[in-house]
Amino acid sequence: MPIRQISLLSIASAALLAVGACSSTTTPPDTSMPPPIDCGASALANKAGGVVTGSTAQDVRIDGQPVRSTGTVRIYQSGQPVTQDYNPNRLNLEVSVARTLVRASCG
């Protein structure tokens, strides 16, 4: 009987050591967020009210200056329905009836 008690005690001790070793070597999960993607909207923050011409990423201009975007450009009039699909590289240009820039955003 004493041999059996020693075996069970050895097994229990080894199990406790293994559990203790696991808890001391775990690393916390990475909770950092990737940097936000800028589709070009931040460069247009001070361009509200500027006249928007063109209709594609290649020819769109605000007050005659070309617009730089990392992806596609969508121009829509305030209140006009648009698709709700999210594309972080797409530059959205909301314009007034007079084609002046109301807001620039990514998505």
PDB file of N, CA and C in Angstrom:
ATOM      1  N   MET A   1       0.806  -1.201   0.000  1.00  0.00           N
ATOM      2  CA  MET A   1       0.000   0.000   0.000  1.00  0.00           C
ATOM      3  C   MET A   1       0.852   1.269   0.000  1.00  0.00           C
ATOM      4  N   PRO A   2       1.947   1.365   0.712  1.00  0.00           N
ATOM      5  CA  PRO A   2       2.732   2.580   0.711  1.00  0.00           C
ATOM      6  C   PRO A   2       3.266   2.936  -0.678  1.00  0.00           C
ATOM      7  N   ILE A   3       3.578   1.968  -1.499  1.00  0.00           N
ATOM      8  CA  ILE A   3       4.097   2.252  -2.827  1.00  0.00           C
ATOM      9  C   ILE A   3       3.026   2.949  -3.667  1.00  0.00           C
ATOM     10  N   ARG A   4       1.810   2.499  -3.535  1.00  0.00           N
ATOM     11  CA  ARG A   4       0.720   3.081  -4.301  1.00  0.00           C
ATOM     12  C   ARG A   4       0.477   4.532  -3.870  1.00  0.00           C
ATOM     13  N   GLN A   5       0.567   4.830  -2.588  1.00  0.00           N
ATOM     14  CA  GLN A   5       0.361   6.189  -2.113  1.00  0.00           C
ATOM     15  C   GLN A   5       1.447   7.119  -2.659  1.00  0.00           C
ATOM     16  N   ILE A   6       2.650   6.668  -2.728  1.00  0.00           N
ATOM     17  CA  ILE A   6       3.746   7.481  -3.250  1.00  0.00           C
ATOM     18  C   ILE A   6       3.519   7.757  -4.738  1.00  0.00           C
ATOM     19  N   SER A   7       3.056   6.789  -5.482  1.00  0.00           N
ATOM     20  CA  SER A   7       2.807   6.972  -6.911  1.00  0.00           C
ATOM     21  C   SER A   7       1.727   8.024  -7.137  1.00  0.00           C
ATOM     22  N   LEU A   8       0.640   7.926  -6.399  1.00  0.00           N
ATOM     23  CA  LEU A   8      -0.436   8.905  -6.552  1.00  0.00           C
ATOM     24  C   LEU A   8       0.044  10.293  -6.150  1.00  0.00           C
ATOM     25  N   LEU A   9       0.839  10.373  -5.099  1.00  0.00           N
ATOM     26  CA  LEU A   9       1.365  11.656  -4.655  1.00  0.00           C
ATOM     27  C   LEU A   9       2.303  12.233  -5.708  1.00  0.00           C
ATOM     28  N   SER A  10       3.115  11.403  -6.322  1.00  0.00           N
ATOM     29  CA  SER A  10       4.030  11.859  -7.371  1.00  0.00           C
ATOM     30  C   SER A  10       3.262  12.368  -8.588  1.00  0.00           C
ATOM     31  N   ILE A  11       2.230  11.663  -8.964  1.00  0.00           N
ATOM     32  CA  ILE A  11       1.419  12.061 -10.117  1.00  0.00           C
ATOM     33  C   ILE A  11       0.719  13.386  -9.833  1.00  0.00           C
ATOM     34  N   ALA A  12       0.154  13.520  -8.644  1.00  0.00           N
ATOM     35  CA  ALA A  12      -0.543  14.755  -8.285  1.00  0.00           C
ATOM     36  C   ALA A  12       0.430  15.931  -8.257  1.00  0.00           C
ATOM     37  N   SER A  13       1.614  15.731  -7.720  1.00  0.00           N
ATOM     38  CA  SER A  13       2.616  16.794  -7.670  1.00  0.00           C
ATOM     39  C   SER A  13       3.052  17.198  -9.078  1.00  0.00           C
ATOM     40  N   ALA A  14       3.254  16.244  -9.947  1.00  0.00           N
ATOM     41  CA  ALA A  14       3.663  16.533 -11.318  1.00  0.00           C
ATOM     42  C   ALA A  14       2.571  17.309 -12.051  1.00  0.00           C
ATOM     43  N   ALA A  15       1.322  16.933 -11.811  1.00  0.00           N
ATOM     44  CA  ALA A  15       0.209  17.632 -12.459  1.00  0.00           C
ATOM     45  C   ALA A  15       0.137  19.081 -11.989  1.00  0.00           C
ATOM     46  N   LEU A  16       0.326  19.313 -10.685  1.00  0.00           N
ATOM     47  CA  LEU A  16       0.294  20.675 -10.158  1.00  0.00           C
ATOM     48  C   LEU A  16       1.451  21.508 -10.711  1.00  0.00           C
ATOM     49  N   LEU A  17       2.615  20.920 -10.833  1.00  0.00           N
ATOM     50  CA  LEU A  17       3.745  21.628 -11.401  1.00  0.00           C
ATOM     51  C   LEU A  17       3.497  21.995 -12.865  1.00  0.00           C
ATOM     52  N   ALA A  18       2.892  21.091 -13.603  1.00  0.00           N
ATOM     53  CA  ALA A  18       2.608  21.353 -15.012  1.00  0.00           C
ATOM     54  C   ALA A  18       1.602  22.491 -15.159  1.00  0.00           C
ATOM     55  N   VAL A  19       0.575  22.489 -14.347  1.00  0.00           N
ATOM     56  CA  VAL A  19      -0.428  23.561 -14.402  1.00  0.00           C
ATOM     57  C   VAL A  19       0.213  24.881 -14.005  1.00  0.00           C
ATOM     58  N   GLY A  20       1.029  24.860 -12.978  1.00  0.00           N
ATOM     59  CA  GLY A  20       1.698  26.087 -12.543  1.00  0.00           C
ATOM     60  C   GLY A  20       2.639  26.616 -13.598  1.00  0.00           C
ATOM     61  N   ALA A  21       3.319  25.737 -14.305  1.00  0.00           N
ATOM     62  CA  ALA A  21       4.247  26.171 -15.348  1.00  0.00           C
ATOM     63  C   ALA A  21       3.506  26.809 -16.508  1.00  0.00           C
ATOM     64  N   CYS A  22       2.354  26.286 -16.844  1.00  0.00           N
ATOM     65  CA  CYS A  22       1.581  26.852 -17.949  1.00  0.00           C
ATOM     66  C   CYS A  22       1.106  28.257 -17.619  1.00  0.00           C
ATOM     67  N   SER A  23       0.645  28.466 -16.411  1.00  0.00           N
ATOM     68  CA  SER A  23       0.093  29.773 -16.084  1.00  0.00           C
ATOM     69  C   SER A  23       1.173  30.847 -15.995  1.00  0.00           C
ATOM     70  N   SER A  24       2.405  30.455 -15.694  1.00  0.00           N
ATOM     71  CA  SER A  24       3.448  31.465 -15.571  1.00  0.00           C
ATOM     72  C   SER A  24       4.105  31.803 -16.904  1.00  0.00           C
ATOM     73  N   THR A  25       3.882  30.989 -17.935  1.00  0.00           N
ATOM     74  CA  THR A  25       4.532  31.251 -19.215  1.00  0.00           C
ATOM     75  C   THR A  25       3.582  31.796 -20.278  1.00  0.00           C
ATOM     76  N   THR A  26       2.324  31.971 -19.945  1.00  0.00           N
ATOM     77  CA  THR A  26       1.397  32.498 -20.957  1.00  0.00           C
ATOM     78  C   THR A  26       1.624  33.993 -21.126  1.00  0.00           C
ATOM     79  N   THR A  27       1.427  34.439 -22.343  1.00  0.00           N
ATOM     80  CA  THR A  27       1.555  35.867 -22.627  1.00  0.00           C
ATOM     81  C   THR A  27       0.159  36.443 -22.846  1.00  0.00           C
ATOM     82  N   PRO A  28      -0.019  37.685 -22.474  1.00  0.00           N
ATOM     83  CA  PRO A  28      -1.347  38.272 -22.661  1.00  0.00           C
ATOM     84  C   PRO A  28      -1.665  38.408 -24.152  1.00  0.00           C
ATOM     85  N   PRO A  29      -2.936  38.357 -24.513  1.00  0.00           N
ATOM     86  CA  PRO A  29      -3.285  38.486 -25.938  1.00  0.00           C
ATOM     87  C   PRO A  29      -2.961  39.877 -26.458  1.00  0.00           C
ATOM     88  N   ASP A  30      -2.676  39.949 -27.729  1.00  0.00           N
ATOM     89  CA  ASP A  30      -2.367  41.232 -28.369  1.00  0.00           C
ATOM     90  C   ASP A  30      -3.668  41.994 -28.586  1.00  0.00           C
ATOM     91  N   THR A  31      -3.832  43.083 -27.864  1.00  0.00           N
ATOM     92  CA  THR A  31      -5.050  43.879 -27.981  1.00  0.00           C
ATOM     93  C   THR A  31      -4.819  45.164 -28.763  1.00  0.00           C
ATOM     94  N   SER A  32      -3.630  45.319 -29.309  1.00  0.00           N
ATOM     95  CA  SER A  32      -3.354  46.531 -30.067  1.00  0.00           C
ATOM     96  C   SER A  32      -4.118  46.504 -31.392  1.00  0.00           C
ATOM     97  N   MET A  33      -4.528  47.645 -31.836  1.00  0.00           N
ATOM     98  CA  MET A  33      -5.267  47.771 -33.088  1.00  0.00           C
ATOM     99  C   MET A  33      -4.305  48.201 -34.193  1.00  0.00           C
ATOM    100  N   PRO A  34      -4.536  47.726 -35.410  1.00  0.00           N
ATOM    101  CA  PRO A  34      -3.687  48.191 -36.505  1.00  0.00           C
ATOM    102  C   PRO A  34      -3.963  49.670 -36.754  1.00  0.00           C
ATOM    103  N   PRO A  35      -3.020  50.387 -37.319  1.00  0.00           N
ATOM    104  CA  PRO A  35      -3.259  51.806 -37.573  1.00  0.00           C
ATOM    105  C   PRO A  35      -4.402  51.971 -38.572  1.00  0.00           C
ATOM    106  N   PRO A  36      -5.184  53.011 -38.417  1.00  0.00           N
ATOM    107  CA  PRO A  36      -6.295  53.197 -39.351  1.00  0.00           C
ATOM    108  C   PRO A  36      -5.780  53.472 -40.762  1.00  0.00           C
ATOM    109  N   ILE A  37      -6.522  53.002 -41.722  1.00  0.00           N
ATOM    110  CA  ILE A  37      -6.167  53.228 -43.116  1.00  0.00           C
ATOM    111  C   ILE A  37      -6.684  54.603 -43.507  1.00  0.00           C
ATOM    112  N   ASP A  38      -5.849  55.400 -44.139  1.00  0.00           N
ATOM    113  CA  ASP A  38      -6.293  56.703 -44.613  1.00  0.00           C
ATOM    114  C   ASP A  38      -6.433  56.629 -46.127  1.00  0.00           C
ATOM    115  N   CYS A  39      -7.655  56.707 -46.585  1.00  0.00           N
ATOM    116  CA  CYS A  39      -7.946  56.610 -48.014  1.00  0.00           C
ATOM    117  C   CYS A  39      -7.662  57.915 -48.744  1.00  0.00           C
ATOM    118  N   GLY A  40      -7.291  58.951 -48.023  1.00  0.00           N
ATOM    119  CA  GLY A  40      -7.054  60.261 -48.609  1.00  0.00           C
ATOM    120  C   GLY A  40      -7.971  61.328 -48.028  1.00  0.00           C
ATOM    121  N   ALA A  41      -8.906  60.925 -47.174  1.00  0.00           N
ATOM    122  CA  ALA A  41      -9.887  61.866 -46.616  1.00  0.00           C
ATOM    123  C   ALA A  41      -9.248  62.889 -45.685  1.00  0.00           C
ATOM    124  N   SER A  42      -8.234  62.497 -44.924  1.00  0.00           N
ATOM    125  CA  SER A  42      -7.635  63.433 -43.958  1.00  0.00           C
ATOM    126  C   SER A  42      -7.007  64.640 -44.663  1.00  0.00           C
ATOM    127  N   ALA A  43      -6.489  64.440 -45.862  1.00  0.00           N
ATOM    128  CA  ALA A  43      -5.887  65.547 -46.609  1.00  0.00           C
ATOM    129  C   ALA A  43      -6.933  66.540 -47.115  1.00  0.00           C
ATOM    130  N   LEU A  44      -8.209  66.138 -47.079  1.00  0.00           N
ATOM    131  CA  LEU A  44      -9.282  67.000 -47.582  1.00  0.00           C
ATOM    132  C   LEU A  44     -10.091  67.660 -46.466  1.00  0.00           C
ATOM    133  N   ALA A  45      -9.625  67.527 -45.229  1.00  0.00           N
ATOM    134  CA  ALA A  45     -10.371  68.057 -44.085  1.00  0.00           C
ATOM    135  C   ALA A  45     -10.620  69.557 -44.199  1.00  0.00           C
ATOM    136  N   ASN A  46      -9.708  70.297 -44.783  1.00  0.00           N
ATOM    137  CA  ASN A  46      -9.871  71.753 -44.885  1.00  0.00           C
ATOM    138  C   ASN A  46     -10.395  72.189 -46.258  1.00  0.00           C
ATOM    139  N   LYS A  47     -10.880  71.245 -47.061  1.00  0.00           N
ATOM    140  CA  LYS A  47     -11.356  71.555 -48.417  1.00  0.00           C
ATOM    141  C   LYS A  47     -12.880  71.667 -48.510  1.00  0.00           C
ATOM    142  N   ALA A  48     -13.595  71.580 -47.388  1.00  0.00           N
ATOM    143  CA  ALA A  48     -15.062  71.687 -47.424  1.00  0.00           C
ATOM    144  C   ALA A  48     -15.454  73.006 -48.068  1.00  0.00           C
ATOM    145  N   GLY A  49     -16.425  72.935 -48.963  1.00  0.00           N
ATOM    146  CA  GLY A  49     -16.869  74.119 -49.682  1.00  0.00           C
ATOM    147  C   GLY A  49     -16.198  74.280 -51.034  1.00  0.00           C
ATOM    148  N   GLY A  50     -15.141  73.518 -51.289  1.00  0.00           N
ATOM    149  CA  GLY A  50     -14.453  73.590 -52.581  1.00  0.00           C
ATOM    150  C   GLY A  50     -15.272  72.942 -53.676  1.00  0.00           C
ATOM    151  N   VAL A  51     -15.108  73.410 -54.884  1.00  0.00           N
ATOM    152  CA  VAL A  51     -15.849  72.885 -56.035  1.00  0.00           C
ATOM    153  C   VAL A  51     -15.237  71.561 -56.482  1.00  0.00           C
ATOM    154  N   VAL A  52     -16.081  70.540 -56.596  1.00  0.00           N
ATOM    155  CA  VAL A  52     -15.644  69.198 -56.998  1.00  0.00           C
ATOM    156  C   VAL A  52     -15.966  69.000 -58.477  1.00  0.00           C
ATOM    157  N   THR A  53     -14.962  68.637 -59.246  1.00  0.00           N
ATOM    158  CA  THR A  53     -15.147  68.308 -60.655  1.00  0.00           C
ATOM    159  C   THR A  53     -14.621  66.912 -60.906  1.00  0.00           C
ATOM    160  N   GLY A  54     -15.049  66.311 -62.002  1.00  0.00           N
ATOM    161  CA  GLY A  54     -14.628  64.948 -62.326  1.00  0.00           C
ATOM    162  C   GLY A  54     -15.540  63.933 -61.679  1.00  0.00           C
ATOM    163  N   SER A  55     -15.298  62.666 -62.001  1.00  0.00           N
ATOM    164  CA  SER A  55     -16.166  61.621 -61.464  1.00  0.00           C
ATOM    165  C   SER A  55     -15.441  60.320 -61.144  1.00  0.00           C
ATOM    166  N   THR A  56     -14.147  60.248 -61.419  1.00  0.00           N
ATOM    167  CA  THR A  56     -13.380  59.025 -61.138  1.00  0.00           C
ATOM    168  C   THR A  56     -12.122  59.373 -60.343  1.00  0.00           C
ATOM    169  N   ALA A  57     -11.470  58.362 -59.833  1.00  0.00           N
ATOM    170  CA  ALA A  57     -10.237  58.570 -59.072  1.00  0.00           C
ATOM    171  C   ALA A  57      -9.167  59.236 -59.933  1.00  0.00           C
ATOM    172  N   GLN A  58      -9.228  59.039 -61.232  1.00  0.00           N
ATOM    173  CA  GLN A  58      -8.216  59.598 -62.115  1.00  0.00           C
ATOM    174  C   GLN A  58      -8.453  61.077 -62.437  1.00  0.00           C
ATOM    175  N   ASP A  59      -9.712  61.519 -62.458  1.00  0.00           N
ATOM    176  CA  ASP A  59      -9.956  62.895 -62.893  1.00  0.00           C
ATOM    177  C   ASP A  59     -10.625  63.810 -61.858  1.00  0.00           C
ATOM    178  N   VAL A  60     -10.925  63.308 -60.674  1.00  0.00           N
ATOM    179  CA  VAL A  60     -11.591  64.159 -59.682  1.00  0.00           C
ATOM    180  C   VAL A  60     -10.632  65.232 -59.163  1.00  0.00           C
ATOM    181  N   ARG A  61     -11.184  66.435 -59.017  1.00  0.00           N
ATOM    182  CA  ARG A  61     -10.409  67.580 -58.518  1.00  0.00           C
ATOM    183  C   ARG A  61     -11.285  68.386 -57.570  1.00  0.00           C
ATOM    184  N   ILE A  62     -10.639  69.033 -56.626  1.00  0.00           N
ATOM    185  CA  ILE A  62     -11.328  69.965 -55.734  1.00  0.00           C
ATOM    186  C   ILE A  62     -10.625  71.306 -55.893  1.00  0.00           C
ATOM    187  N   ASP A  63     -11.397  72.299 -56.299  1.00  0.00           N
ATOM    188  CA  ASP A  63     -10.842  73.631 -56.610  1.00  0.00           C
ATOM    189  C   ASP A  63      -9.655  73.536 -57.569  1.00  0.00           C
ATOM    190  N   GLY A  64      -9.761  72.640 -58.533  1.00  0.00           N
ATOM    191  CA  GLY A  64      -8.724  72.497 -59.548  1.00  0.00           C
ATOM    192  C   GLY A  64      -7.543  71.636 -59.153  1.00  0.00           C
ATOM    193  N   GLN A  65      -7.460  71.249 -57.886  1.00  0.00           N
ATOM    194  CA  GLN A  65      -6.336  70.430 -57.411  1.00  0.00           C
ATOM    195  C   GLN A  65      -6.707  68.950 -57.456  1.00  0.00           C
ATOM    196  N   PRO A  66      -5.824  68.099 -57.976  1.00  0.00           N
ATOM    197  CA  PRO A  66      -6.128  66.661 -58.017  1.00  0.00           C
ATOM    198  C   PRO A  66      -6.283  66.086 -56.609  1.00  0.00           C
ATOM    199  N   VAL A  67      -7.149  65.105 -56.503  1.00  0.00           N
ATOM    200  CA  VAL A  67      -7.395  64.414 -55.234  1.00  0.00           C
ATOM    201  C   VAL A  67      -6.603  63.120 -55.242  1.00  0.00           C
ATOM    202  N   ARG A  68      -5.902  62.849 -54.166  1.00  0.00           N
ATOM    203  CA  ARG A  68      -5.125  61.617 -54.058  1.00  0.00           C
ATOM    204  C   ARG A  68      -5.895  60.632 -53.175  1.00  0.00           C
ATOM    205  N   SER A  69      -6.010  59.415 -53.677  1.00  0.00           N
ATOM    206  CA  SER A  69      -6.721  58.370 -52.949  1.00  0.00           C
ATOM    207  C   SER A  69      -5.967  57.063 -53.087  1.00  0.00           C
ATOM    208  N   THR A  70      -6.052  56.206 -52.067  1.00  0.00           N
ATOM    209  CA  THR A  70      -5.388  54.904 -52.113  1.00  0.00           C
ATOM    210  C   THR A  70      -6.230  53.879 -52.852  1.00  0.00           C
ATOM    211  N   GLY A  71      -7.462  54.226 -53.166  1.00  0.00           N
ATOM    212  CA  GLY A  71      -8.363  53.286 -53.848  1.00  0.00           C
ATOM    213  C   GLY A  71      -9.320  54.017 -54.758  1.00  0.00           C
ATOM    214  N   THR A  72     -10.542  53.551 -54.777  1.00  0.00           N
ATOM    215  CA  THR A  72     -11.554  54.149 -55.630  1.00  0.00           C
ATOM    216  C   THR A  72     -12.108  55.422 -54.989  1.00  0.00           C
ATOM    217  N   VAL A  73     -12.777  56.216 -55.791  1.00  0.00           N
ATOM    218  CA  VAL A  73     -13.415  57.442 -55.316  1.00  0.00           C
ATOM    219  C   VAL A  73     -14.896  57.343 -55.648  1.00  0.00           C
ATOM    220  N   ARG A  74     -15.721  57.616 -54.649  1.00  0.00           N
ATOM    221  CA  ARG A  74     -17.168  57.635 -54.858  1.00  0.00           C
ATOM    222  C   ARG A  74     -17.654  59.048 -54.572  1.00  0.00           C
ATOM    223  N   ILE A  75     -18.310  59.648 -55.559  1.00  0.00           N
ATOM    224  CA  ILE A  75     -18.863  60.986 -55.392  1.00  0.00           C
ATOM    225  C   ILE A  75     -20.380  60.847 -55.384  1.00  0.00           C
ATOM    226  N   TYR A  76     -21.001  61.384 -54.352  1.00  0.00           N
ATOM    227  CA  TYR A  76     -22.459  61.311 -54.271  1.00  0.00           C
ATOM    228  C   TYR A  76     -22.998  62.601 -53.674  1.00  0.00           C
ATOM    229  N   GLN A  77     -24.223  62.911 -54.045  1.00  0.00           N
ATOM    230  CA  GLN A  77     -24.867  64.133 -53.571  1.00  0.00           C
ATOM    231  C   GLN A  77     -25.496  63.885 -52.203  1.00  0.00           C
ATOM    232  N   SER A  78     -25.474  64.877 -51.339  1.00  0.00           N
ATOM    233  CA  SER A  78     -26.084  64.766 -50.005  1.00  0.00           C
ATOM    234  C   SER A  78     -27.509  64.240 -50.142  1.00  0.00           C
ATOM    235  N   GLY A  79     -27.832  63.228 -49.348  1.00  0.00           N
ATOM    236  CA  GLY A  79     -29.162  62.639 -49.366  1.00  0.00           C
ATOM    237  C   GLY A  79     -29.343  61.541 -50.383  1.00  0.00           C
ATOM    238  N   GLN A  80     -28.421  61.394 -51.313  1.00  0.00           N
ATOM    239  CA  GLN A  80     -28.512  60.341 -52.325  1.00  0.00           C
ATOM    240  C   GLN A  80     -28.231  58.997 -51.679  1.00  0.00           C
ATOM    241  N   PRO A  81     -29.028  57.957 -51.951  1.00  0.00           N
ATOM    242  CA  PRO A  81     -28.734  56.639 -51.374  1.00  0.00           C
ATOM    243  C   PRO A  81     -27.445  56.061 -51.960  1.00  0.00           C
ATOM    244  N   VAL A  82     -26.665  55.435 -51.090  1.00  0.00           N
ATOM    245  CA  VAL A  82     -25.432  54.771 -51.518  1.00  0.00           C
ATOM    246  C   VAL A  82     -25.390  53.389 -50.894  1.00  0.00           C
ATOM    247  N   THR A  83     -24.607  52.511 -51.480  1.00  0.00           N
ATOM    248  CA  THR A  83     -24.470  51.166 -50.922  1.00  0.00           C
ATOM    249  C   THR A  83     -23.798  51.246 -49.555  1.00  0.00           C
ATOM    250  N   GLN A  84     -24.073  50.285 -48.702  1.00  0.00           N
ATOM    251  CA  GLN A  84     -23.527  50.274 -47.346  1.00  0.00           C
ATOM    252  C   GLN A  84     -22.324  49.343 -47.193  1.00  0.00           C
ATOM    253  N   ASP A  85     -21.812  48.820 -48.298  1.00  0.00           N
ATOM    254  CA  ASP A  85     -20.627  47.967 -48.197  1.00  0.00           C
ATOM    255  C   ASP A  85     -19.431  48.815 -47.776  1.00  0.00           C
ATOM    256  N   TYR A  86     -18.628  48.279 -46.882  1.00  0.00           N
ATOM    257  CA  TYR A  86     -17.495  49.026 -46.340  1.00  0.00           C
ATOM    258  C   TYR A  86     -16.222  48.663 -47.079  1.00  0.00           C
ATOM    259  N   ASN A  87     -15.539  49.680 -47.568  1.00  0.00           N
ATOM    260  CA  ASN A  87     -14.255  49.498 -48.242  1.00  0.00           C
ATOM    261  C   ASN A  87     -13.320  50.570 -47.685  1.00  0.00           C
ATOM    262  N   PRO A  88     -12.392  50.228 -46.797  1.00  0.00           N
ATOM    263  CA  PRO A  88     -11.551  51.238 -46.142  1.00  0.00           C
ATOM    264  C   PRO A  88     -10.673  52.024 -47.109  1.00  0.00           C
ATOM    265  N   ASN A  89     -10.442  51.509 -48.306  1.00  0.00           N
ATOM    266  CA  ASN A  89      -9.613  52.220 -49.287  1.00  0.00           C
ATOM    267  C   ASN A  89     -10.416  53.172 -50.166  1.00  0.00           C
ATOM    268  N   ARG A  90     -11.746  53.140 -50.051  1.00  0.00           N
ATOM    269  CA  ARG A  90     -12.573  53.988 -50.906  1.00  0.00           C
ATOM    270  C   ARG A  90     -12.718  55.376 -50.283  1.00  0.00           C
ATOM    271  N   LEU A  91     -12.502  56.393 -51.089  1.00  0.00           N
ATOM    272  CA  LEU A  91     -12.692  57.778 -50.675  1.00  0.00           C
ATOM    273  C   LEU A  91     -14.096  58.203 -51.085  1.00  0.00           C
ATOM    274  N   ASN A  92     -14.906  58.582 -50.109  1.00  0.00           N
ATOM    275  CA  ASN A  92     -16.258  59.063 -50.362  1.00  0.00           C
ATOM    276  C   ASN A  92     -16.255  60.581 -50.328  1.00  0.00           C
ATOM    277  N   LEU A  93     -16.770  61.191 -51.378  1.00  0.00           N
ATOM    278  CA  LEU A  93     -16.892  62.641 -51.433  1.00  0.00           C
ATOM    279  C   LEU A  93     -18.375  62.985 -51.507  1.00  0.00           C
ATOM    280  N   GLU A  94     -18.883  63.520 -50.419  1.00  0.00           N
ATOM    281  CA  GLU A  94     -20.277  63.966 -50.401  1.00  0.00           C
ATOM    282  C   GLU A  94     -20.297  65.411 -50.893  1.00  0.00           C
ATOM    283  N   VAL A  95     -21.117  65.670 -51.904  1.00  0.00           N
ATOM    284  CA  VAL A  95     -21.174  67.007 -52.499  1.00  0.00           C
ATOM    285  C   VAL A  95     -22.586  67.572 -52.393  1.00  0.00           C
ATOM    286  N   SER A  96     -22.659  68.897 -52.457  1.00  0.00           N
ATOM    287  CA  SER A  96     -23.953  69.577 -52.454  1.00  0.00           C
ATOM    288  C   SER A  96     -24.527  69.590 -53.871  1.00  0.00           C
ATOM    289  N   VAL A  97     -25.724  70.144 -54.011  1.00  0.00           N
ATOM    290  CA  VAL A  97     -26.343  70.283 -55.331  1.00  0.00           C
ATOM    291  C   VAL A  97     -25.445  71.113 -56.245  1.00  0.00           C
ATOM    292  N   ALA A  98     -24.745  72.082 -55.679  1.00  0.00           N
ATOM    293  CA  ALA A  98     -23.845  72.946 -56.454  1.00  0.00           C
ATOM    294  C   ALA A  98     -22.473  72.304 -56.690  1.00  0.00           C
ATOM    295  N   ARG A  99     -22.304  71.024 -56.312  1.00  0.00           N
ATOM    296  CA  ARG A  99     -21.054  70.266 -56.457  1.00  0.00           C
ATOM    297  C   ARG A  99     -19.911  70.829 -55.615  1.00  0.00           C
ATOM    298  N   THR A 100     -20.240  71.353 -54.435  1.00  0.00           N
ATOM    299  CA  THR A 100     -19.191  71.752 -53.490  1.00  0.00           C
ATOM    300  C   THR A 100     -19.049  70.635 -52.466  1.00  0.00           C
ATOM    301  N   LEU A 101     -17.831  70.458 -51.972  1.00  0.00           N
ATOM    302  CA  LEU A 101     -17.549  69.375 -51.034  1.00  0.00           C
ATOM    303  C   LEU A 101     -18.214  69.641 -49.694  1.00  0.00           C
ATOM    304  N   VAL A 102     -19.024  68.693 -49.256  1.00  0.00           N
ATOM    305  CA  VAL A 102     -19.660  68.746 -47.941  1.00  0.00           C
ATOM    306  C   VAL A 102     -18.812  67.975 -46.933  1.00  0.00           C
ATOM    307  N   ARG A 103     -18.361  66.783 -47.354  1.00  0.00           N
ATOM    308  CA  ARG A 103     -17.617  65.918 -46.435  1.00  0.00           C
ATOM    309  C   ARG A 103     -16.823  64.895 -47.227  1.00  0.00           C
ATOM    310  N   ALA A 104     -15.637  64.572 -46.714  1.00  0.00           N
ATOM    311  CA  ALA A 104     -14.802  63.491 -47.280  1.00  0.00           C
ATOM    312  C   ALA A 104     -14.613  62.456 -46.182  1.00  0.00           C
ATOM    313  N   SER A 105     -14.780  61.176 -46.538  1.00  0.00           N
ATOM    314  CA  SER A 105     -14.624  60.105 -45.562  1.00  0.00           C
ATOM    315  C   SER A 105     -14.146  58.840 -46.257  1.00  0.00           C
ATOM    316  N   CYS A 106     -13.646  57.906 -45.468  1.00  0.00           N
ATOM    317  CA  CYS A 106     -13.230  56.606 -45.990  1.00  0.00           C
ATOM    318  C   CYS A 106     -14.364  55.614 -45.769  1.00  0.00           C
ATOM    319  N   GLY A 107     -14.483  54.681 -46.638  1.00  0.00           N
ATOM    320  CA  GLY A 107     -15.485  53.639 -46.442  1.00  0.00           C
ATOM    321  C   GLY A 107     -16.147  53.276 -47.689  1.00  0.00           C
TER     322      GLY A 107
END
